Amino acid sequence: MKLIKIFSISTTILFIVCVVVMIWCFVRINNKEKIAEGKLGSTIILNKDTLTIIDYSIFEENYTLSNGTKVNMFYLNNLKK
């Protein structure tokens, strides 16, 4: 009887932790997506070329530029205008 109580309590705690981790992941992905969407259509100068950001990938963490080049999100988000 005591073993069943311990098992049910530990299962409940594990379930709560899983739900919290899932919510945290969803919020992080949602925030990254909002940042990436805000950059779509922006123009940047890269190696004497004026390029436009046309697409993004949240999971690969990169932007696709108008010439087909894929550039890291971290690089473009921190690029000074």
Protein backbone atom coordinates (compact mmCIF):
# COMPACT_ATOMS: atom_id res chain seq x y z
CA MET A 1 0.00 0.00 0.00
CA LYS A 2 2.79 2.38 0.90
CA LEU A 3 4.66 1.49 -2.28
CA ILE A 4 1.60 2.34 -4.39
CA LYS A 5 1.35 5.80 -2.75
CA ILE A 6 5.01 6.50 -3.41
CA PHE A 7 4.65 5.36 -7.02
CA SER A 8 1.58 7.53 -7.62
CA ILE A 9 3.22 10.60 -6.09
CA SER A 10 6.39 10.15 -8.14
CA THR A 11 4.34 9.63 -11.31
CA THR A 12 2.39 12.81 -10.62
CA ILE A 13 5.59 14.78 -10.07
CA LEU A 14 7.06 13.40 -13.29
CA PHE A 15 3.92 14.36 -15.20
CA ILE A 16 4.03 17.93 -13.84
CA VAL A 17 7.70 18.27 -14.75
CA CYS A 18 6.99 17.05 -18.30
CA VAL A 19 4.14 19.54 -18.73
CA VAL A 20 6.32 22.42 -17.49
CA VAL A 21 9.15 21.46 -19.87
CA MET A 22 6.73 21.25 -22.81
CA ILE A 23 5.30 24.70 -22.02
CA TRP A 24 8.81 26.14 -21.68
CA CYS A 25 9.83 24.69 -25.07
CA PHE A 26 6.69 26.02 -26.74
CA VAL A 27 7.29 29.53 -25.38
CA ARG A 28 10.95 29.51 -26.54
CA ILE A 29 10.03 28.36 -30.05
CA ASN A 30 7.21 30.90 -30.23
CA ASN A 31 9.55 33.74 -29.19
CA LYS A 32 12.17 32.72 -31.77
CA GLU A 33 9.51 32.56 -34.45
CA LYS A 34 8.28 36.08 -33.63
CA ILE A 35 11.83 37.42 -33.90
CA ALA A 36 12.38 35.60 -37.20
CA GLU A 37 9.08 36.80 -38.69
CA GLY A 38 10.01 40.37 -37.80
CA LYS A 39 13.15 40.10 -39.93
CA LEU A 40 11.42 38.77 -43.08
CA GLY A 41 11.69 41.29 -45.90
CA SER A 42 14.56 43.16 -44.26
CA THR A 43 17.46 44.11 -46.47
CA ILE A 44 21.07 43.65 -45.43
CA ILE A 45 24.39 44.40 -47.05
CA LEU A 46 26.67 41.39 -47.21
CA ASN A 47 29.92 41.47 -49.22
CA LYS A 48 28.86 44.49 -51.30
CA ASP A 49 25.52 42.82 -52.15
CA THR A 50 22.15 44.11 -50.99
CA LEU A 51 20.16 41.04 -50.01
CA THR A 52 16.66 40.45 -48.65
CA ILE A 53 15.71 37.91 -46.01
CA ILE A 54 13.10 35.71 -47.67
CA ASP A 55 12.75 32.68 -45.36
CA TYR A 56 13.73 31.31 -41.96
CA SER A 57 14.09 27.98 -40.20
CA ILE A 58 13.56 27.89 -36.45
CA PHE A 59 14.99 24.41 -35.93
CA GLU A 60 18.08 24.95 -38.09
CA GLU A 61 18.33 28.52 -36.73
CA ASN A 62 19.09 30.19 -40.04
CA TYR A 63 17.71 32.68 -42.52
CA THR A 64 17.61 32.22 -46.28
CA LEU A 65 18.67 35.27 -48.27
CA SER A 66 17.47 36.32 -51.71
CA ASN A 67 20.58 34.83 -53.38
CA GLY A 68 19.95 31.42 -51.78
CA THR A 69 22.61 31.75 -49.08
CA LYS A 70 21.71 30.41 -45.64
CA VAL A 71 23.00 32.55 -42.79
CA ASN A 72 22.94 31.87 -39.05
CA MET A 73 20.18 33.73 -37.17
CA PHE A 74 22.59 34.73 -34.43
CA TYR A 75 24.81 36.49 -36.96
CA LEU A 76 22.02 38.51 -38.57
CA ASN A 77 20.21 39.32 -35.33
CA ASN A 78 23.42 40.85 -33.96
CA LEU A 79 24.45 42.56 -37.22
CA LYS A 80 24.70 46.34 -36.80
CA LYS A 81 22.75 48.35 -39.34
